[in-house]
Amino acid sequence: EPLHPGAQPTLLDTDGHRITALLTNSPRWHGPFLDARHRARGRCENRIKTLKNTGLGKLPFFDFAANQAWANIAALAFNLVSWLQLAALPHGHRAKAWDIKRWRYRLFATAGKIITRARRNQLLLPESAPEKDLLKLLLENTARLKQVLPPAPG
């Protein structure tokens, strides 16, 4: 197949083409179908890796109920970060491709201070915060989504 735009050629690529081989014992052999199935499996494995990095890699307690609560909180954190990437970031933003570790070290570790002035909460961030603009963008977009979405029943 021809190299995709921006792909780096390797030593084995010849004349701008990449040679790929697929060995399978699948009874249904159709190249594009098998390629799509393989890519879906890769996305699934990335989600599993992200869940492990969120907290499911090690269960810290001896008690089953405590580990169950830990797993629920880890799944909730994973869902919240996925939701932020899908709904609160504009299309093509660089943070959409970040894994959970980068979110944790670049964004969630940013120190800030919440103050109340004139009955309104404000978040103060230091000028030297590396992802200050991204945090402001996320807060603005989640506030905008809150206004657009219908209120929860009950």
N, C-alpha and C. Protein backbone atom coordinates (compact mmCIF):
# COMPACT_ATOMS: atom_id res chain seq x y z
N GLU A 1 0.85 -1.17 0.00
CA GLU A 1 0.00 0.00 0.00
C GLU A 1 0.89 1.23 0.00
N PRO A 2 0.43 2.34 -0.56
CA PRO A 2 1.23 3.56 -0.55
C PRO A 2 1.33 4.13 0.85
N LEU A 3 2.44 4.82 1.13
CA LEU A 3 2.62 5.44 2.42
C LEU A 3 1.59 6.54 2.63
N HIS A 4 1.08 6.66 3.84
CA HIS A 4 0.13 7.71 4.16
C HIS A 4 0.87 9.04 4.24
N PRO A 5 0.18 10.15 3.99
CA PRO A 5 0.83 11.46 4.08
C PRO A 5 1.39 11.68 5.49
N GLY A 6 2.63 12.04 5.58
CA GLY A 6 3.27 12.29 6.86
C GLY A 6 3.94 11.07 7.47
N ALA A 7 3.76 9.89 6.86
CA ALA A 7 4.38 8.68 7.40
C ALA A 7 5.87 8.69 7.11
N GLN A 8 6.64 8.22 8.07
CA GLN A 8 8.08 8.15 7.91
C GLN A 8 8.46 6.83 7.25
N PRO A 9 9.15 6.86 6.12
CA PRO A 9 9.54 5.60 5.50
C PRO A 9 10.60 4.88 6.33
N THR A 10 10.53 3.56 6.34
CA THR A 10 11.51 2.76 7.06
C THR A 10 12.44 2.11 6.05
N LEU A 11 13.34 1.31 6.54
CA LEU A 11 14.32 0.66 5.68
C LEU A 11 13.66 -0.32 4.71
N LEU A 12 12.56 -0.93 5.14
CA LEU A 12 11.90 -1.94 4.30
C LEU A 12 10.90 -1.36 3.32
N ASP A 13 10.58 -0.09 3.41
CA ASP A 13 9.65 0.54 2.46
C ASP A 13 10.37 0.79 1.15
N THR A 14 9.76 0.36 0.06
CA THR A 14 10.40 0.52 -1.24
C THR A 14 9.52 1.37 -2.16
N ASP A 15 10.12 2.30 -2.83
CA ASP A 15 9.45 3.14 -3.83
C ASP A 15 8.19 3.81 -3.30
N GLY A 16 8.20 4.23 -2.02
CA GLY A 16 7.05 4.92 -1.46
C GLY A 16 5.89 4.01 -1.09
N HIS A 17 6.16 2.71 -1.03
CA HIS A 17 5.12 1.76 -0.67
C HIS A 17 5.54 0.97 0.56
N ARG A 18 4.57 0.63 1.39
CA ARG A 18 4.81 -0.19 2.57
C ARG A 18 4.21 -1.57 2.31
N ILE A 19 5.00 -2.57 2.61
CA ILE A 19 4.54 -3.94 2.42
C ILE A 19 4.05 -4.45 3.77
N THR A 20 2.81 -4.94 3.79
CA THR A 20 2.25 -5.50 5.01
C THR A 20 1.84 -6.94 4.74
N ALA A 21 1.95 -7.74 5.77
CA ALA A 21 1.54 -9.15 5.66
C ALA A 21 0.59 -9.46 6.80
N LEU A 22 -0.34 -10.35 6.55
CA LEU A 22 -1.32 -10.72 7.54
C LEU A 22 -1.45 -12.23 7.54
N LEU A 23 -1.17 -12.84 8.66
CA LEU A 23 -1.27 -14.28 8.81
C LEU A 23 -2.43 -14.57 9.73
N THR A 24 -3.40 -15.35 9.26
CA THR A 24 -4.60 -15.60 10.05
C THR A 24 -5.14 -16.99 9.79
N ASN A 25 -5.86 -17.50 10.76
CA ASN A 25 -6.58 -18.75 10.55
C ASN A 25 -8.08 -18.49 10.55
N SER A 26 -8.45 -17.26 10.29
CA SER A 26 -9.85 -16.87 10.26
C SER A 26 -10.54 -17.52 9.07
N PRO A 27 -11.73 -18.11 9.27
CA PRO A 27 -12.42 -18.73 8.13
C PRO A 27 -12.92 -17.71 7.12
N ARG A 28 -13.13 -16.50 7.56
CA ARG A 28 -13.61 -15.45 6.65
C ARG A 28 -12.44 -14.55 6.33
N TRP A 29 -11.81 -14.75 5.20
CA TRP A 29 -10.64 -13.97 4.84
C TRP A 29 -11.04 -12.90 3.86
N HIS A 30 -11.05 -11.67 4.35
CA HIS A 30 -11.28 -10.51 3.51
C HIS A 30 -10.39 -9.41 4.08
N GLY A 31 -9.43 -8.94 3.31
CA GLY A 31 -8.41 -8.04 3.80
C GLY A 31 -8.92 -6.83 4.56
N PRO A 32 -9.80 -6.01 3.96
CA PRO A 32 -10.29 -4.83 4.68
C PRO A 32 -11.04 -5.17 5.97
N PHE A 33 -11.80 -6.26 5.96
CA PHE A 33 -12.52 -6.67 7.17
C PHE A 33 -11.55 -7.05 8.28
N LEU A 34 -10.53 -7.82 7.95
CA LEU A 34 -9.56 -8.22 8.96
C LEU A 34 -8.76 -7.02 9.48
N ASP A 35 -8.45 -6.08 8.58
CA ASP A 35 -7.73 -4.88 9.00
C ASP A 35 -8.59 -4.05 9.96
N ALA A 36 -9.87 -3.89 9.65
CA ALA A 36 -10.76 -3.13 10.53
C ALA A 36 -10.91 -3.83 11.88
N ARG A 37 -10.99 -5.16 11.87
CA ARG A 37 -11.11 -5.90 13.12
C ARG A 37 -9.84 -5.74 13.97
N HIS A 38 -8.69 -5.76 13.30
CA HIS A 38 -7.43 -5.61 14.02
C HIS A 38 -7.31 -4.20 14.62
N ARG A 39 -7.72 -3.17 13.87
CA ARG A 39 -7.65 -1.80 14.39
C ARG A 39 -8.60 -1.61 15.57
N ALA A 40 -9.78 -2.23 15.52
CA ALA A 40 -10.72 -2.14 16.63
C ALA A 40 -10.12 -2.79 17.87
N ARG A 41 -9.42 -3.88 17.69
CA ARG A 41 -8.78 -4.55 18.82
C ARG A 41 -7.68 -3.66 19.41
N GLY A 42 -6.97 -2.94 18.56
CA GLY A 42 -5.94 -2.02 19.04
C GLY A 42 -6.54 -0.91 19.88
N ARG A 43 -7.69 -0.36 19.44
CA ARG A 43 -8.36 0.68 20.24
C ARG A 43 -8.82 0.12 21.57
N CYS A 44 -9.30 -1.11 21.57
CA CYS A 44 -9.74 -1.75 22.81
C CYS A 44 -8.56 -1.92 23.76
N GLU A 45 -7.43 -2.33 23.24
CA GLU A 45 -6.24 -2.50 24.09
C GLU A 45 -5.76 -1.17 24.64
N ASN A 46 -5.89 -0.09 23.86
CA ASN A 46 -5.54 1.24 24.37
C ASN A 46 -6.47 1.65 25.51
N ARG A 47 -7.76 1.33 25.39
CA ARG A 47 -8.71 1.65 26.46
C ARG A 47 -8.37 0.85 27.73
N ILE A 48 -7.99 -0.40 27.57
CA ILE A 48 -7.61 -1.22 28.72
C ILE A 48 -6.37 -0.64 29.39
N LYS A 49 -5.39 -0.22 28.59
CA LYS A 49 -4.18 0.41 29.14
C LYS A 49 -4.52 1.68 29.89
N THR A 50 -5.44 2.48 29.35
CA THR A 50 -5.85 3.70 30.01
C THR A 50 -6.56 3.40 31.33
N LEU A 51 -7.43 2.40 31.33
CA LEU A 51 -8.11 2.03 32.57
C LEU A 51 -7.12 1.56 33.63
N LYS A 52 -6.10 0.82 33.22
CA LYS A 52 -5.07 0.39 34.18
C LYS A 52 -4.33 1.59 34.73
N ASN A 53 -4.02 2.57 33.88
CA ASN A 53 -3.32 3.77 34.34
C ASN A 53 -4.22 4.66 35.20
N THR A 54 -5.53 4.52 35.05
CA THR A 54 -6.46 5.30 35.86
C THR A 54 -6.54 4.77 37.28
N GLY A 55 -6.28 3.49 37.47
CA GLY A 55 -6.31 2.95 38.83
C GLY A 55 -6.66 1.48 38.90
N LEU A 56 -7.04 0.89 37.79
CA LEU A 56 -7.42 -0.52 37.81
C LEU A 56 -6.23 -1.46 37.69
N GLY A 57 -5.04 -0.92 37.54
CA GLY A 57 -3.85 -1.76 37.43
C GLY A 57 -3.54 -2.51 38.71
N LYS A 58 -3.83 -1.88 39.82
CA LYS A 58 -3.58 -2.49 41.13
C LYS A 58 -4.73 -2.14 42.04
N LEU A 59 -5.29 -3.15 42.67
CA LEU A 59 -6.35 -2.92 43.64
C LEU A 59 -5.70 -2.81 45.02
N PRO A 60 -5.85 -1.69 45.71
CA PRO A 60 -5.05 -1.43 46.91
C PRO A 60 -5.57 -2.06 48.20
N PHE A 61 -6.78 -2.61 48.20
CA PHE A 61 -7.37 -3.07 49.45
C PHE A 61 -7.48 -4.59 49.51
N PHE A 62 -7.63 -5.12 50.71
CA PHE A 62 -7.89 -6.55 50.89
C PHE A 62 -9.38 -6.85 50.80
N ASP A 63 -10.19 -5.88 51.18
CA ASP A 63 -11.64 -6.05 51.21
C ASP A 63 -12.22 -5.93 49.80
N PHE A 64 -13.14 -6.84 49.45
CA PHE A 64 -13.73 -6.83 48.11
C PHE A 64 -14.56 -5.57 47.87
N ALA A 65 -15.35 -5.17 48.87
CA ALA A 65 -16.22 -3.99 48.69
C ALA A 65 -15.38 -2.73 48.48
N ALA A 66 -14.28 -2.59 49.19
CA ALA A 66 -13.42 -1.42 49.01
C ALA A 66 -12.79 -1.42 47.61
N ASN A 67 -12.36 -2.60 47.14
CA ASN A 67 -11.80 -2.69 45.78
C ASN A 67 -12.87 -2.42 44.73
N GLN A 68 -14.10 -2.83 45.01
CA GLN A 68 -15.19 -2.57 44.08
C GLN A 68 -15.44 -1.06 43.98
N ALA A 69 -15.42 -0.37 45.11
CA ALA A 69 -15.58 1.09 45.10
C ALA A 69 -14.42 1.75 44.36
N TRP A 70 -13.20 1.24 44.58
CA TRP A 70 -12.02 1.75 43.88
C TRP A 70 -12.18 1.59 42.36
N ALA A 71 -12.66 0.43 41.93
CA ALA A 71 -12.85 0.17 40.50
C ALA A 71 -13.92 1.09 39.92
N ASN A 72 -14.99 1.33 40.67
CA ASN A 72 -16.04 2.23 40.19
C ASN A 72 -15.51 3.66 40.05
N ILE A 73 -14.70 4.10 40.99
CA ILE A 73 -14.13 5.45 40.91
C ILE A 73 -13.15 5.56 39.74
N ALA A 74 -12.36 4.51 39.51
CA ALA A 74 -11.43 4.52 38.37
C ALA A 74 -12.19 4.56 37.05
N ALA A 75 -13.28 3.80 36.94
CA ALA A 75 -14.09 3.83 35.72
C ALA A 75 -14.75 5.19 35.54
N LEU A 76 -15.19 5.80 36.63
CA LEU A 76 -15.77 7.14 36.55
C LEU A 76 -14.74 8.16 36.07
N ALA A 77 -13.52 8.09 36.60
CA ALA A 77 -12.46 9.01 36.17
C ALA A 77 -12.16 8.82 34.68
N PHE A 78 -12.10 7.57 34.24
CA PHE A 78 -11.87 7.29 32.82
C PHE A 78 -12.98 7.89 31.95
N ASN A 79 -14.23 7.72 32.38
CA ASN A 79 -15.35 8.25 31.62
C ASN A 79 -15.35 9.77 31.60
N LEU A 80 -14.98 10.40 32.71
CA LEU A 80 -14.94 11.86 32.74
C LEU A 80 -13.88 12.43 31.80
N VAL A 81 -12.71 11.80 31.80
CA VAL A 81 -11.65 12.27 30.89
C VAL A 81 -12.06 12.03 29.44
N SER A 82 -12.66 10.89 29.15
CA SER A 82 -13.12 10.62 27.79
C SER A 82 -14.18 11.64 27.37
N TRP A 83 -15.08 11.96 28.29
CA TRP A 83 -16.12 12.94 27.99
C TRP A 83 -15.50 14.31 27.73
N LEU A 84 -14.52 14.70 28.54
CA LEU A 84 -13.85 15.98 28.32
C LEU A 84 -13.20 16.02 26.94
N GLN A 85 -12.55 14.92 26.56
CA GLN A 85 -11.88 14.89 25.26
C GLN A 85 -12.89 14.97 24.12
N LEU A 86 -14.04 14.33 24.26
CA LEU A 86 -15.01 14.30 23.17
C LEU A 86 -15.88 15.55 23.11
N ALA A 87 -16.35 16.03 24.25
CA ALA A 87 -17.37 17.07 24.23
C ALA A 87 -16.84 18.46 24.54
N ALA A 88 -15.79 18.58 25.32
CA ALA A 88 -15.38 19.90 25.78
C ALA A 88 -14.19 20.47 25.02
N LEU A 89 -13.56 19.66 24.19
CA LEU A 89 -12.43 20.18 23.41
C LEU A 89 -12.84 20.38 21.96
N PRO A 90 -12.36 21.44 21.33
CA PRO A 90 -12.69 21.65 19.92
C PRO A 90 -12.02 20.59 19.04
N HIS A 91 -12.59 20.40 17.87
CA HIS A 91 -12.07 19.40 16.93
C HIS A 91 -10.62 19.71 16.56
N GLY A 92 -9.77 18.70 16.64
CA GLY A 92 -8.37 18.85 16.26
C GLY A 92 -7.47 19.37 17.35
N HIS A 93 -7.98 19.57 18.55
CA HIS A 93 -7.13 20.06 19.65
C HIS A 93 -6.12 18.99 20.04
N ARG A 94 -4.92 19.42 20.41
CA ARG A 94 -3.84 18.47 20.71
C ARG A 94 -4.14 17.61 21.93
N ALA A 95 -4.93 18.10 22.88
CA ALA A 95 -5.21 17.35 24.11
C ALA A 95 -6.19 16.20 23.87
N LYS A 96 -6.82 16.14 22.71
CA LYS A 96 -7.71 15.02 22.41
C LYS A 96 -6.94 13.71 22.30
N ALA A 97 -5.68 13.79 21.95
CA ALA A 97 -4.87 12.58 21.77
C ALA A 97 -4.06 12.23 23.01
N TRP A 98 -4.15 13.02 24.06
CA TRP A 98 -3.37 12.74 25.26
C TRP A 98 -3.87 11.47 25.94
N ASP A 99 -2.95 10.73 26.54
CA ASP A 99 -3.35 9.61 27.37
C ASP A 99 -3.57 10.11 28.80
N ILE A 100 -4.05 9.23 29.66
CA ILE A 100 -4.43 9.64 31.01
C ILE A 100 -3.24 10.13 31.82
N LYS A 101 -2.07 9.58 31.57
CA LYS A 101 -0.89 10.03 32.32
C LYS A 101 -0.56 11.48 32.01
N ARG A 102 -0.66 11.86 30.75
CA ARG A 102 -0.38 13.25 30.39
C ARG A 102 -1.43 14.18 30.98
N TRP A 103 -2.71 13.77 30.98
CA TRP A 103 -3.75 14.57 31.62
C TRP A 103 -3.42 14.76 33.09
N ARG A 104 -2.97 13.68 33.74
CA ARG A 104 -2.69 13.74 35.17
C ARG A 104 -1.54 14.68 35.46
N TYR A 105 -0.45 14.58 34.73
CA TYR A 105 0.75 15.36 35.04
C TYR A 105 0.71 16.78 34.49
N ARG A 106 0.02 17.01 33.39
CA ARG A 106 0.00 18.34 32.80
C ARG A 106 -1.18 19.18 33.27
N LEU A 107 -2.32 18.51 33.54
CA LEU A 107 -3.53 19.26 33.81
C LEU A 107 -4.02 19.11 35.24
N PHE A 108 -4.15 17.88 35.70
CA PHE A 108 -4.73 17.65 37.02
C PHE A 108 -3.78 18.01 38.15
N ALA A 109 -2.51 18.13 37.89
CA ALA A 109 -1.55 18.49 38.94
C ALA A 109 -1.35 20.00 39.03
N THR A 110 -2.10 20.77 38.27
CA THR A 110 -1.97 22.22 38.31
C THR A 110 -2.62 22.75 39.59
N ALA A 111 -1.86 23.50 40.34
CA ALA A 111 -2.37 24.06 41.59
C ALA A 111 -3.16 25.32 41.29
N GLY A 112 -4.28 25.45 41.95
CA GLY A 112 -5.11 26.63 41.80
C GLY A 112 -5.80 26.95 43.11
N LYS A 113 -6.51 28.05 43.13
CA LYS A 113 -7.20 28.47 44.34
C LYS A 113 -8.60 28.94 43.94
N ILE A 114 -9.60 28.41 44.63
CA ILE A 114 -10.97 28.83 44.38
C ILE A 114 -11.33 29.91 45.38
N ILE A 115 -11.77 31.05 44.87
CA ILE A 115 -12.18 32.15 45.74
C ILE A 115 -13.62 32.54 45.40
N THR A 116 -14.28 33.19 46.34
CA THR A 116 -15.66 33.65 46.12
C THR A 116 -15.67 35.17 46.23
N ARG A 117 -16.15 35.80 45.17
CA ARG A 117 -16.30 37.25 45.13
C ARG A 117 -17.67 37.56 44.57
N ALA A 118 -18.40 38.39 45.27
CA ALA A 118 -19.73 38.81 44.83
C ALA A 118 -20.62 37.60 44.53
N ARG A 119 -20.57 36.62 45.41
CA ARG A 119 -21.37 35.39 45.31
C ARG A 119 -21.07 34.57 44.06
N ARG A 120 -19.89 34.74 43.51
CA ARG A 120 -19.48 33.96 42.35
C ARG A 120 -18.15 33.31 42.65
N ASN A 121 -18.03 32.04 42.27
CA ASN A 121 -16.77 31.32 42.46
C ASN A 121 -15.83 31.61 41.29
N GLN A 122 -14.56 31.80 41.62
CA GLN A 122 -13.54 32.02 40.61
C GLN A 122 -12.37 31.10 40.89
N LEU A 123 -11.74 30.65 39.84
CA LEU A 123 -10.54 29.83 39.94
C LEU A 123 -9.33 30.69 39.59
N LEU A 124 -8.43 30.82 40.54
CA LEU A 124 -7.20 31.57 40.30
C LEU A 124 -6.09 30.57 39.97
N LEU A 125 -5.42 30.78 38.86
CA LEU A 125 -4.32 29.93 38.44
C LEU A 125 -3.05 30.77 38.36
N PRO A 126 -1.91 30.18 38.70
CA PRO A 126 -0.66 30.94 38.59
C PRO A 126 -0.34 31.24 37.13
N GLU A 127 0.31 32.36 36.90
CA GLU A 127 0.69 32.74 35.54
C GLU A 127 1.65 31.74 34.90
N SER A 128 2.41 31.04 35.74
CA SER A 128 3.40 30.09 35.21
C SER A 128 2.83 28.70 34.95
N ALA A 129 1.53 28.50 35.14
CA ALA A 129 0.92 27.19 34.91
C ALA A 129 1.04 26.84 33.43
N PRO A 130 1.59 25.66 33.09
CA PRO A 130 1.83 25.35 31.68
C PRO A 130 0.55 25.16 30.86
N GLU A 131 -0.52 24.71 31.46
CA GLU A 131 -1.75 24.45 30.72
C GLU A 131 -2.89 25.36 31.18
N LYS A 132 -2.56 26.58 31.51
CA LYS A 132 -3.56 27.53 32.00
C LYS A 132 -4.63 27.80 30.94
N ASP A 133 -4.23 27.98 29.70
CA ASP A 133 -5.19 28.25 28.63
C ASP A 133 -6.11 27.06 28.39
N LEU A 134 -5.56 25.85 28.48
CA LEU A 134 -6.38 24.66 28.29
C LEU A 134 -7.40 24.52 29.41
N LEU A 135 -7.00 24.79 30.64
CA LEU A 135 -7.95 24.73 31.76
C LEU A 135 -9.08 25.74 31.58
N LYS A 136 -8.74 26.95 31.17
CA LYS A 136 -9.78 27.96 30.93
C LYS A 136 -10.72 27.53 29.81
N LEU A 137 -10.17 26.96 28.75
CA LEU A 137 -10.99 26.48 27.64
C LEU A 137 -11.95 25.38 28.10
N LEU A 138 -11.45 24.43 28.89
CA LEU A 138 -12.30 23.36 29.39
C LEU A 138 -13.41 23.89 30.28
N LEU A 139 -13.09 24.84 31.16
CA LEU A 139 -14.10 25.41 32.04
C LEU A 139 -15.17 26.18 31.25
N GLU A 140 -14.74 26.94 30.25
CA GLU A 140 -15.70 27.69 29.43
C GLU A 140 -16.60 26.75 28.64
N ASN A 141 -16.02 25.71 28.04
CA ASN A 141 -16.82 24.80 27.22
C ASN A 141 -17.76 23.95 28.06
N THR A 142 -17.34 23.53 29.26
CA THR A 142 -18.26 22.76 30.11
C THR A 142 -19.39 23.66 30.62
N ALA A 143 -19.11 24.93 30.90
CA ALA A 143 -20.19 25.85 31.29
C ALA A 143 -21.16 26.06 30.14
N ARG A 144 -20.65 26.15 28.93
CA ARG A 144 -21.51 26.30 27.75
C ARG A 144 -22.36 25.05 27.54
N LEU A 145 -21.77 23.87 27.75
CA LEU A 145 -22.54 22.63 27.62
C LEU A 145 -23.62 22.53 28.70
N LYS A 146 -23.32 23.02 29.88
CA LYS A 146 -24.30 22.99 30.97
C LYS A 146 -25.53 23.84 30.61
N GLN A 147 -25.33 24.94 29.91
CA GLN A 147 -26.45 25.79 29.51
C GLN A 147 -27.25 25.15 28.38
N VAL A 148 -26.59 24.39 27.51
CA VAL A 148 -27.26 23.80 26.35
C VAL A 148 -28.05 22.55 26.72
N LEU A 149 -27.50 21.73 27.63
CA LEU A 149 -28.14 20.48 27.97
C LEU A 149 -29.40 20.70 28.80
N PRO A 150 -30.43 19.84 28.62
CA PRO A 150 -31.62 19.98 29.43
C PRO A 150 -31.34 19.58 30.88
N PRO A 151 -32.12 20.11 31.83
CA PRO A 151 -31.88 19.74 33.23
C PRO A 151 -32.21 18.28 33.48
N ALA A 152 -31.53 17.71 34.47
CA ALA A 152 -31.75 16.30 34.81
C ALA A 152 -33.11 16.14 35.46
N PRO A 153 -33.80 15.04 35.16
CA PRO A 153 -35.13 14.82 35.77
C PRO A 153 -34.99 14.55 37.26
N GLY A 154 -36.00 14.95 38.01
CA GLY A 154 -36.04 14.65 39.45
C GLY A 154 -35.57 15.72 40.24
